[in-house]
PDB file of N, CA and C in Angstrom:
ATOM      1  N   MET A   1      38.165  -9.045 -26.422  1.00  0.00           N
ATOM      2  CA  MET A   1      37.829  -7.786 -27.059  1.00  0.00           C
ATOM      3  C   MET A   1      38.813  -6.732 -26.563  1.00  0.00           C
ATOM      4  N   GLY A   2      39.510  -6.075 -27.507  1.00  0.00           N
ATOM      5  CA  GLY A   2      40.483  -5.072 -27.130  1.00  0.00           C
ATOM      6  C   GLY A   2      39.841  -3.741 -26.836  1.00  0.00           C
ATOM      7  N   SER A   3      40.641  -2.820 -26.317  1.00  0.00           N
ATOM      8  CA  SER A   3      40.110  -1.503 -25.987  1.00  0.00           C
ATOM      9  C   SER A   3      39.641  -0.763 -27.236  1.00  0.00           C
ATOM     10  N   GLU A   4      40.230  -1.051 -28.397  1.00  0.00           N
ATOM     11  CA  GLU A   4      39.803  -0.423 -29.650  1.00  0.00           C
ATOM     12  C   GLU A   4      38.366  -0.817 -29.976  1.00  0.00           C
ATOM     13  N   ASP A   5      37.985  -2.073 -29.735  1.00  0.00           N
ATOM     14  CA  ASP A   5      36.634  -2.551 -30.020  1.00  0.00           C
ATOM     15  C   ASP A   5      35.591  -1.840 -29.174  1.00  0.00           C
ATOM     16  N   ARG A   6      35.959  -1.413 -27.970  1.00  0.00           N
ATOM     17  CA  ARG A   6      35.016  -0.753 -27.065  1.00  0.00           C
ATOM     18  C   ARG A   6      34.962   0.750 -27.285  1.00  0.00           C
ATOM     19  N   ARG A   7      35.819   1.269 -28.136  1.00  0.00           N
ATOM     20  CA  ARG A   7      35.861   2.700 -28.402  1.00  0.00           C
ATOM     21  C   ARG A   7      34.555   3.152 -29.055  1.00  0.00           C
ATOM     22  N   ILE A   8      34.039   4.292 -28.618  1.00  0.00           N
ATOM     23  CA  ILE A   8      32.786   4.847 -29.131  1.00  0.00           C
ATOM     24  C   ILE A   8      33.111   6.073 -29.985  1.00  0.00           C
ATOM     25  N   LEU A   9      32.487   6.147 -31.153  1.00  0.00           N
ATOM     26  CA  LEU A   9      32.749   7.235 -32.088  1.00  0.00           C
ATOM     27  C   LEU A   9      31.490   8.056 -32.344  1.00  0.00           C
ATOM     28  N   ALA A  10      31.672   9.340 -32.518  1.00  0.00           N
ATOM     29  CA  ALA A  10      30.590  10.225 -32.956  1.00  0.00           C
ATOM     30  C   ALA A  10      30.356   9.973 -34.448  1.00  0.00           C
ATOM     31  N   ALA A  11      29.273  10.507 -34.993  1.00  0.00           N
ATOM     32  CA  ALA A  11      28.913  10.264 -36.389  1.00  0.00           C
ATOM     33  C   ALA A  11      30.038  10.651 -37.348  1.00  0.00           C
ATOM     34  N   ARG A  12      30.600  11.822 -37.183  1.00  0.00           N
ATOM     35  CA  ARG A  12      31.681  12.254 -38.082  1.00  0.00           C
ATOM     36  C   ARG A  12      32.870  11.305 -37.999  1.00  0.00           C
ATOM     37  N   GLU A  13      33.230  10.882 -36.798  1.00  0.00           N
ATOM     38  CA  GLU A  13      34.346   9.951 -36.631  1.00  0.00           C
ATOM     39  C   GLU A  13      34.022   8.592 -37.265  1.00  0.00           C
ATOM     40  N   ALA A  14      32.786   8.146 -37.117  1.00  0.00           N
ATOM     41  CA  ALA A  14      32.372   6.873 -37.703  1.00  0.00           C
ATOM     42  C   ALA A  14      32.431   6.947 -39.222  1.00  0.00           C
ATOM     43  N   ALA A  15      31.990   8.059 -39.783  1.00  0.00           N
ATOM     44  CA  ALA A  15      32.056   8.238 -41.235  1.00  0.00           C
ATOM     45  C   ALA A  15      33.504   8.196 -41.711  1.00  0.00           C
ATOM     46  N   GLU A  16      34.383   8.864 -40.983  1.00  0.00           N
ATOM     47  CA  GLU A  16      35.805   8.842 -41.331  1.00  0.00           C
ATOM     48  C   GLU A  16      36.365   7.429 -41.218  1.00  0.00           C
ATOM     49  N   TYR A  17      35.987   6.718 -40.181  1.00  0.00           N
ATOM     50  CA  TYR A  17      36.439   5.338 -39.967  1.00  0.00           C
ATOM     51  C   TYR A  17      36.017   4.457 -41.140  1.00  0.00           C
ATOM     52  N   LEU A  18      34.786   4.656 -41.627  1.00  0.00           N
ATOM     53  CA  LEU A  18      34.281   3.875 -42.750  1.00  0.00           C
ATOM     54  C   LEU A  18      34.797   4.381 -44.098  1.00  0.00           C
ATOM     55  N   GLY A  19      35.301   5.616 -44.112  1.00  0.00           N
ATOM     56  CA  GLY A  19      35.767   6.201 -45.359  1.00  0.00           C
ATOM     57  C   GLY A  19      34.632   6.708 -46.230  1.00  0.00           C
ATOM     58  N   VAL A  20      33.548   7.161 -45.583  1.00  0.00           N
ATOM     59  CA  VAL A  20      32.375   7.664 -46.306  1.00  0.00           C
ATOM     60  C   VAL A  20      31.998   9.035 -45.773  1.00  0.00           C
ATOM     61  N   SER A  21      31.098   9.709 -46.473  1.00  0.00           N
ATOM     62  CA  SER A  21      30.605  11.000 -46.003  1.00  0.00           C
ATOM     63  C   SER A  21      29.529  10.787 -44.934  1.00  0.00           C
ATOM     64  N   LEU A  22      29.183  11.866 -44.232  1.00  0.00           N
ATOM     65  CA  LEU A  22      28.087  11.782 -43.257  1.00  0.00           C
ATOM     66  C   LEU A  22      26.776  11.419 -43.948  1.00  0.00           C
ATOM     67  N   ALA A  23      26.564  11.943 -45.151  1.00  0.00           N
ATOM     68  CA  ALA A  23      25.338  11.620 -45.889  1.00  0.00           C
ATOM     69  C   ALA A  23      25.268  10.128 -46.210  1.00  0.00           C
ATOM     70  N   THR A  24      26.385   9.551 -46.583  1.00  0.00           N
ATOM     71  CA  THR A  24      26.420   8.115 -46.872  1.00  0.00           C
ATOM     72  C   THR A  24      26.194   7.310 -45.610  1.00  0.00           C
ATOM     73  N   LEU A  25      26.761   7.758 -44.501  1.00  0.00           N
ATOM     74  CA  LEU A  25      26.536   7.077 -43.231  1.00  0.00           C
ATOM     75  C   LEU A  25      25.045   7.064 -42.904  1.00  0.00           C
ATOM     76  N   ARG A  26      24.361   8.178 -43.115  1.00  0.00           N
ATOM     77  CA  ARG A  26      22.913   8.233 -42.880  1.00  0.00           C
ATOM     78  C   ARG A  26      22.164   7.271 -43.809  1.00  0.00           C
ATOM     79  N   LYS A  27      22.609   7.151 -45.063  1.00  0.00           N
ATOM     80  CA  LYS A  27      21.979   6.207 -45.996  1.00  0.00           C
ATOM     81  C   LYS A  27      22.156   4.766 -45.511  1.00  0.00           C
ATOM     82  N   ILE A  28      23.340   4.447 -45.020  1.00  0.00           N
ATOM     83  CA  ILE A  28      23.598   3.108 -44.493  1.00  0.00           C
ATOM     84  C   ILE A  28      22.653   2.837 -43.331  1.00  0.00           C
ATOM     85  N   GLU A  29      22.459   3.839 -42.465  1.00  0.00           N
ATOM     86  CA  GLU A  29      21.529   3.712 -41.331  1.00  0.00           C
ATOM     87  C   GLU A  29      20.089   3.561 -41.813  1.00  0.00           C
ATOM     88  N   SER A  30      19.697   4.332 -42.815  1.00  0.00           N
ATOM     89  CA  SER A  30      18.309   4.268 -43.284  1.00  0.00           C
ATOM     90  C   SER A  30      17.979   2.910 -43.890  1.00  0.00           C
ATOM     91  N   ARG A  31      18.997   2.216 -44.393  1.00  0.00           N
ATOM     92  CA  ARG A  31      18.800   0.854 -44.905  1.00  0.00           C
ATOM     93  C   ARG A  31      18.808  -0.177 -43.775  1.00  0.00           C
ATOM     94  N   GLY A  32      19.054   0.285 -42.547  1.00  0.00           N
ATOM     95  CA  GLY A  32      19.058  -0.616 -41.397  1.00  0.00           C
ATOM     96  C   GLY A  32      20.331  -1.416 -41.234  1.00  0.00           C
ATOM     97  N   GLU A  33      21.387  -1.037 -41.949  1.00  0.00           N
ATOM     98  CA  GLU A  33      22.645  -1.779 -41.879  1.00  0.00           C
ATOM     99  C   GLU A  33      23.481  -1.391 -40.667  1.00  0.00           C
ATOM    100  N   LEU A  34      23.249  -0.224 -40.115  1.00  0.00           N
ATOM    101  CA  LEU A  34      23.870   0.238 -38.876  1.00  0.00           C
ATOM    102  C   LEU A  34      22.781   0.869 -38.022  1.00  0.00           C
ATOM    103  N   VAL A  35      22.779   0.555 -36.749  1.00  0.00           N
ATOM    104  CA  VAL A  35      21.820   1.157 -35.821  1.00  0.00           C
ATOM    105  C   VAL A  35      22.626   1.732 -34.655  1.00  0.00           C
ATOM    106  N   PRO A  36      22.900   3.037 -34.710  1.00  0.00           N
ATOM    107  CA  PRO A  36      23.707   3.639 -33.651  1.00  0.00           C
ATOM    108  C   PRO A  36      22.914   3.800 -32.357  1.00  0.00           C
ATOM    109  N   SER A  37      23.649   3.908 -31.271  1.00  0.00           N
ATOM    110  CA  SER A  37      22.994   4.282 -30.016  1.00  0.00           C
ATOM    111  C   SER A  37      22.863   5.801 -30.037  1.00  0.00           C
ATOM    112  N   ARG A  38      22.058   6.326 -29.139  1.00  0.00           N
ATOM    113  CA  ARG A  38      21.833   7.781 -29.081  1.00  0.00           C
ATOM    114  C   ARG A  38      22.156   8.301 -27.690  1.00  0.00           C
ATOM    115  N   THR A  39      22.717   9.496 -27.653  1.00  0.00           N
ATOM    116  CA  THR A  39      22.945  10.160 -26.377  1.00  0.00           C
ATOM    117  C   THR A  39      21.610  10.754 -25.931  1.00  0.00           C
ATOM    118  N   PRO A  40      21.495  11.195 -24.685  1.00  0.00           N
ATOM    119  CA  PRO A  40      20.258  11.849 -24.250  1.00  0.00           C
ATOM    120  C   PRO A  40      19.896  13.055 -25.128  1.00  0.00           C
ATOM    121  N   GLY A  41      20.883  13.683 -25.731  1.00  0.00           N
ATOM    122  CA  GLY A  41      20.643  14.816 -26.612  1.00  0.00           C
ATOM    123  C   GLY A  41      20.333  14.427 -28.055  1.00  0.00           C
ATOM    124  N   GLY A  42      20.327  13.111 -28.337  1.00  0.00           N
ATOM    125  CA  GLY A  42      19.973  12.626 -29.669  1.00  0.00           C
ATOM    126  C   GLY A  42      21.138  12.435 -30.628  1.00  0.00           C
ATOM    127  N   HIS A  43      22.365  12.622 -30.157  1.00  0.00           N
ATOM    128  CA  HIS A  43      23.529  12.446 -31.021  1.00  0.00           C
ATOM    129  C   HIS A  43      23.815  10.956 -31.216  1.00  0.00           C
ATOM    130  N   ARG A  44      24.195  10.601 -32.434  1.00  0.00           N
ATOM    131  CA  ARG A  44      24.466   9.204 -32.767  1.00  0.00           C
ATOM    132  C   ARG A  44      25.854   8.795 -32.290  1.00  0.00           C
ATOM    133  N   ARG A  45      25.954   7.574 -31.772  1.00  0.00           N
ATOM    134  CA  ARG A  45      27.223   7.020 -31.315  1.00  0.00           C
ATOM    135  C   ARG A  45      27.376   5.604 -31.857  1.00  0.00           C
ATOM    136  N   TYR A  46      28.599   5.269 -32.260  1.00  0.00           N
ATOM    137  CA  TYR A  46      28.898   3.989 -32.898  1.00  0.00           C
ATOM    138  C   TYR A  46      30.091   3.352 -32.210  1.00  0.00           C
ATOM    139  N   SER A  47      30.003   2.066 -31.946  1.00  0.00           N
ATOM    140  CA  SER A  47      31.175   1.372 -31.418  1.00  0.00           C
ATOM    141  C   SER A  47      32.031   0.925 -32.596  1.00  0.00           C
ATOM    142  N   VAL A  48      33.329   0.850 -32.375  1.00  0.00           N
ATOM    143  CA  VAL A  48      34.232   0.363 -33.406  1.00  0.00           C
ATOM    144  C   VAL A  48      33.865  -1.081 -33.755  1.00  0.00           C
ATOM    145  N   ALA A  49      33.461  -1.857 -32.756  1.00  0.00           N
ATOM    146  CA  ALA A  49      33.048  -3.244 -33.013  1.00  0.00           C
ATOM    147  C   ALA A  49      31.863  -3.279 -33.980  1.00  0.00           C
ATOM    148  N   MET A  50      30.886  -2.379 -33.809  1.00  0.00           N
ATOM    149  CA  MET A  50      29.724  -2.304 -34.705  1.00  0.00           C
ATOM    150  C   MET A  50      30.171  -2.001 -36.127  1.00  0.00           C
ATOM    151  N   LEU A  51      31.086  -1.058 -36.278  1.00  0.00           N
ATOM    152  CA  LEU A  51      31.559  -0.677 -37.603  1.00  0.00           C
ATOM    153  C   LEU A  51      32.339  -1.815 -38.254  1.00  0.00           C
ATOM    154  N   ASP A  52      33.147  -2.507 -37.457  1.00  0.00           N
ATOM    155  CA  ASP A  52      33.894  -3.654 -37.978  1.00  0.00           C
ATOM    156  C   ASP A  52      32.953  -4.779 -38.408  1.00  0.00           C
ATOM    157  N   GLU A  53      31.887  -4.997 -37.648  1.00  0.00           N
ATOM    158  CA  GLU A  53      30.886  -6.013 -38.029  1.00  0.00           C
ATOM    159  C   GLU A  53      30.218  -5.624 -39.344  1.00  0.00           C
ATOM    160  N   TYR A  54      29.934  -4.337 -39.529  1.00  0.00           N
ATOM    161  CA  TYR A  54      29.362  -3.859 -40.784  1.00  0.00           C
ATOM    162  C   TYR A  54      30.317  -4.165 -41.942  1.00  0.00           C
ATOM    163  N   PHE A  55      31.623  -3.898 -41.750  1.00  0.00           N
ATOM    164  CA  PHE A  55      32.609  -4.210 -42.780  1.00  0.00           C
ATOM    165  C   PHE A  55      32.548  -5.685 -43.165  1.00  0.00           C
ATOM    166  N   GLU A  56      32.522  -6.541 -42.146  1.00  0.00           N
ATOM    167  CA  GLU A  56      32.498  -7.981 -42.408  1.00  0.00           C
ATOM    168  C   GLU A  56      31.244  -8.392 -43.171  1.00  0.00           C
ATOM    169  N   ARG A  57      30.084  -7.901 -42.747  1.00  0.00           N
ATOM    170  CA  ARG A  57      28.827  -8.224 -43.446  1.00  0.00           C
ATOM    171  C   ARG A  57      28.855  -7.729 -44.880  1.00  0.00           C
ATOM    172  N   SER A  58      29.275  -6.487 -45.074  1.00  0.00           N
ATOM    173  CA  SER A  58      29.260  -5.908 -46.409  1.00  0.00           C
ATOM    174  C   SER A  58      30.277  -6.601 -47.316  1.00  0.00           C
ATOM    175  N   ARG A  59      31.372  -7.046 -46.740  1.00  0.00           N
ATOM    176  CA  ARG A  59      32.379  -7.761 -47.525  1.00  0.00           C
ATOM    177  C   ARG A  59      31.844  -9.116 -47.968  1.00  0.00           C
ATOM    178  N   ARG A  60      31.130  -9.804 -47.075  1.00  0.00           N
ATOM    179  CA  ARG A  60      30.576 -11.123 -47.404  1.00  0.00           C
ATOM    180  C   ARG A  60      29.505 -11.045 -48.471  1.00  0.00           C
ATOM    181  N   ASP A  61      28.635 -10.013 -48.389  1.00  0.00           N
ATOM    182  CA  ASP A  61      27.530  -9.941 -49.357  1.00  0.00           C
ATOM    183  C   ASP A  61      27.832  -9.028 -50.543  1.00  0.00           C
ATOM    184  N   GLY A  62      29.018  -8.424 -50.563  1.00  0.00           N
ATOM    185  CA  GLY A  62      29.417  -7.615 -51.707  1.00  0.00           C
ATOM    186  C   GLY A  62      28.851  -6.212 -51.745  1.00  0.00           C
ATOM    187  N   SER A  63      28.195  -5.766 -50.680  1.00  0.00           N
ATOM    188  CA  SER A  63      27.660  -4.409 -50.644  1.00  0.00           C
ATOM    189  C   SER A  63      28.473  -3.565 -49.674  1.00  0.00           C
ATOM    190  N   GLY A  64      28.180  -2.310 -49.619  1.00  0.00           N
ATOM    191  CA  GLY A  64      28.823  -1.436 -48.629  1.00  0.00           C
ATOM    192  C   GLY A  64      30.214  -1.009 -49.027  1.00  0.00           C
ATOM    193  N   VAL A  65      31.057  -0.789 -48.036  1.00  0.00           N
ATOM    194  CA  VAL A  65      32.408  -0.306 -48.259  1.00  0.00           C
ATOM    195  C   VAL A  65      33.398  -1.417 -47.965  1.00  0.00           C
ATOM    196  N   GLU A  66      34.598  -1.268 -48.501  1.00  0.00           N
ATOM    197  CA  GLU A  66      35.644  -2.252 -48.239  1.00  0.00           C
ATOM    198  C   GLU A  66      36.220  -2.032 -46.845  1.00  0.00           C
ATOM    199  N   ALA A  67      36.740  -3.091 -46.253  1.00  0.00           N
ATOM    200  CA  ALA A  67      37.340  -2.995 -44.923  1.00  0.00           C
ATOM    201  C   ALA A  67      38.548  -2.060 -44.963  1.00  0.00           C
ATOM    202  N   PRO A  68      38.716  -1.243 -43.929  1.00  0.00           N
ATOM    203  CA  PRO A  68      39.825  -0.288 -43.919  1.00  0.00           C
ATOM    204  C   PRO A  68      41.130  -0.928 -43.485  1.00  0.00           C
ATOM    205  N   GLU A  69      42.196  -0.277 -43.873  1.00  0.00           N
ATOM    206  CA  GLU A  69      43.498  -0.600 -43.318  1.00  0.00           C
ATOM    207  C   GLU A  69      43.817   0.576 -42.427  1.00  0.00           C
ATOM    208  N   HIS A  70      43.969   0.324 -41.129  1.00  0.00           N
ATOM    209  CA  HIS A  70      44.124   1.412 -40.164  1.00  0.00           C
ATOM    210  C   HIS A  70      45.575   1.734 -39.917  1.00  0.00           C
ATOM    211  N   ASP A  71      45.853   3.017 -39.881  1.00  0.00           N
ATOM    212  CA  ASP A  71      47.157   3.511 -39.483  1.00  0.00           C
ATOM    213  C   ASP A  71      47.271   3.281 -37.986  1.00  0.00           C
ATOM    214  N   GLU A  72      48.328   2.637 -37.548  1.00  0.00           N
ATOM    215  CA  GLU A  72      48.431   2.270 -36.141  1.00  0.00           C
ATOM    216  C   GLU A  72      48.541   3.464 -35.206  1.00  0.00           C
ATOM    217  N   THR A  73      48.948   4.621 -35.711  1.00  0.00           N
ATOM    218  CA  THR A  73      49.086   5.768 -34.818  1.00  0.00           C
ATOM    219  C   THR A  73      47.822   6.592 -34.746  1.00  0.00           C
ATOM    220  N   THR A  74      47.068   6.681 -35.836  1.00  0.00           N
ATOM    221  CA  THR A  74      45.884   7.534 -35.822  1.00  0.00           C
ATOM    222  C   THR A  74      44.581   6.758 -35.884  1.00  0.00           C
ATOM    223  N   HIS A  75      44.645   5.478 -36.253  1.00  0.00           N
ATOM    224  CA  HIS A  75      43.462   4.639 -36.413  1.00  0.00           C
ATOM    225  C   HIS A  75      42.521   5.176 -37.483  1.00  0.00           C
ATOM    226  N   SER A  76      43.057   5.985 -38.401  1.00  0.00           N
ATOM    227  CA  SER A  76      42.198   6.494 -39.480  1.00  0.00           C
ATOM    228  C   SER A  76      42.187   5.488 -40.618  1.00  0.00           C
ATOM    229  N   SER A  77      41.125   5.485 -41.379  1.00  0.00           N
ATOM    230  CA  SER A  77      41.023   4.531 -42.475  1.00  0.00           C
ATOM    231  C   SER A  77      41.618   5.119 -43.736  1.00  0.00           C
ATOM    232  N   SER A  78      42.099   4.230 -44.584  1.00  0.00           N
ATOM    233  CA  SER A  78      42.639   4.650 -45.870  1.00  0.00           C
ATOM    234  C   SER A  78      42.024   3.767 -46.938  1.00  0.00           C
ATOM    235  N   ILE A  79      40.704   3.903 -47.103  1.00  0.00           N
ATOM    236  CA  ILE A  79      39.990   3.068 -48.056  1.00  0.00           C
ATOM    237  C   ILE A  79      39.230   3.917 -49.040  1.00  0.00           C
ATOM    238  N   GLU A  80      38.837   3.305 -50.112  1.00  0.00           N
ATOM    239  CA  GLU A  80      37.965   3.966 -51.073  1.00  0.00           C
ATOM    240  C   GLU A  80      36.547   3.478 -50.806  1.00  0.00           C
ATOM    241  N   SER A  81      35.591   4.389 -50.825  1.00  0.00           N
ATOM    242  CA  SER A  81      34.206   3.968 -50.614  1.00  0.00           C
ATOM    243  C   SER A  81      33.545   3.692 -51.949  1.00  0.00           C
ATOM    244  N   GLU A  82      32.605   2.768 -51.942  1.00  0.00           N
ATOM    245  CA  GLU A  82      31.848   2.463 -53.146  1.00  0.00           C
ATOM    246  C   GLU A  82      30.656   3.409 -53.226  1.00  0.00           C
ATOM    247  N   ALA A  83      30.227   3.686 -54.452  1.00  0.00           N
ATOM    248  CA  ALA A  83      29.050   4.533 -54.630  1.00  0.00           C
ATOM    249  C   ALA A  83      27.825   3.757 -54.146  1.00  0.00           C
ATOM    250  N   LEU A  84      26.976   4.436 -53.403  1.00  0.00           N
ATOM    251  CA  LEU A  84      25.770   3.777 -52.898  1.00  0.00           C
ATOM    252  C   LEU A  84      24.678   3.844 -53.941  1.00  0.00           C
ATOM    253  N   ARG A  85      23.802   2.875 -53.885  1.00  0.00           N
ATOM    254  CA  ARG A  85      22.708   2.774 -54.852  1.00  0.00           C
ATOM    255  C   ARG A  85      21.744   3.920 -54.702  1.00  0.00           C
TER     256      ARG A  85
END
């Protein structure tokens, strides 16, 4: 597991990584497809490994968003998100 896999992202960063809005990220969570950890203050945190696993699951079952292609310098995603049901 590389250092990128252990990286922890805040909700906004996770949404950017997935290429979706914060509202869509919350919808994904409400469906139980992502379960973030919480800080003592209640802020959501996501590991890059968790987000990558979500990509793999959604790709296999045809739901969710497409896997991102990451820019090696910024690690930002450049994907199109699918409309959620």
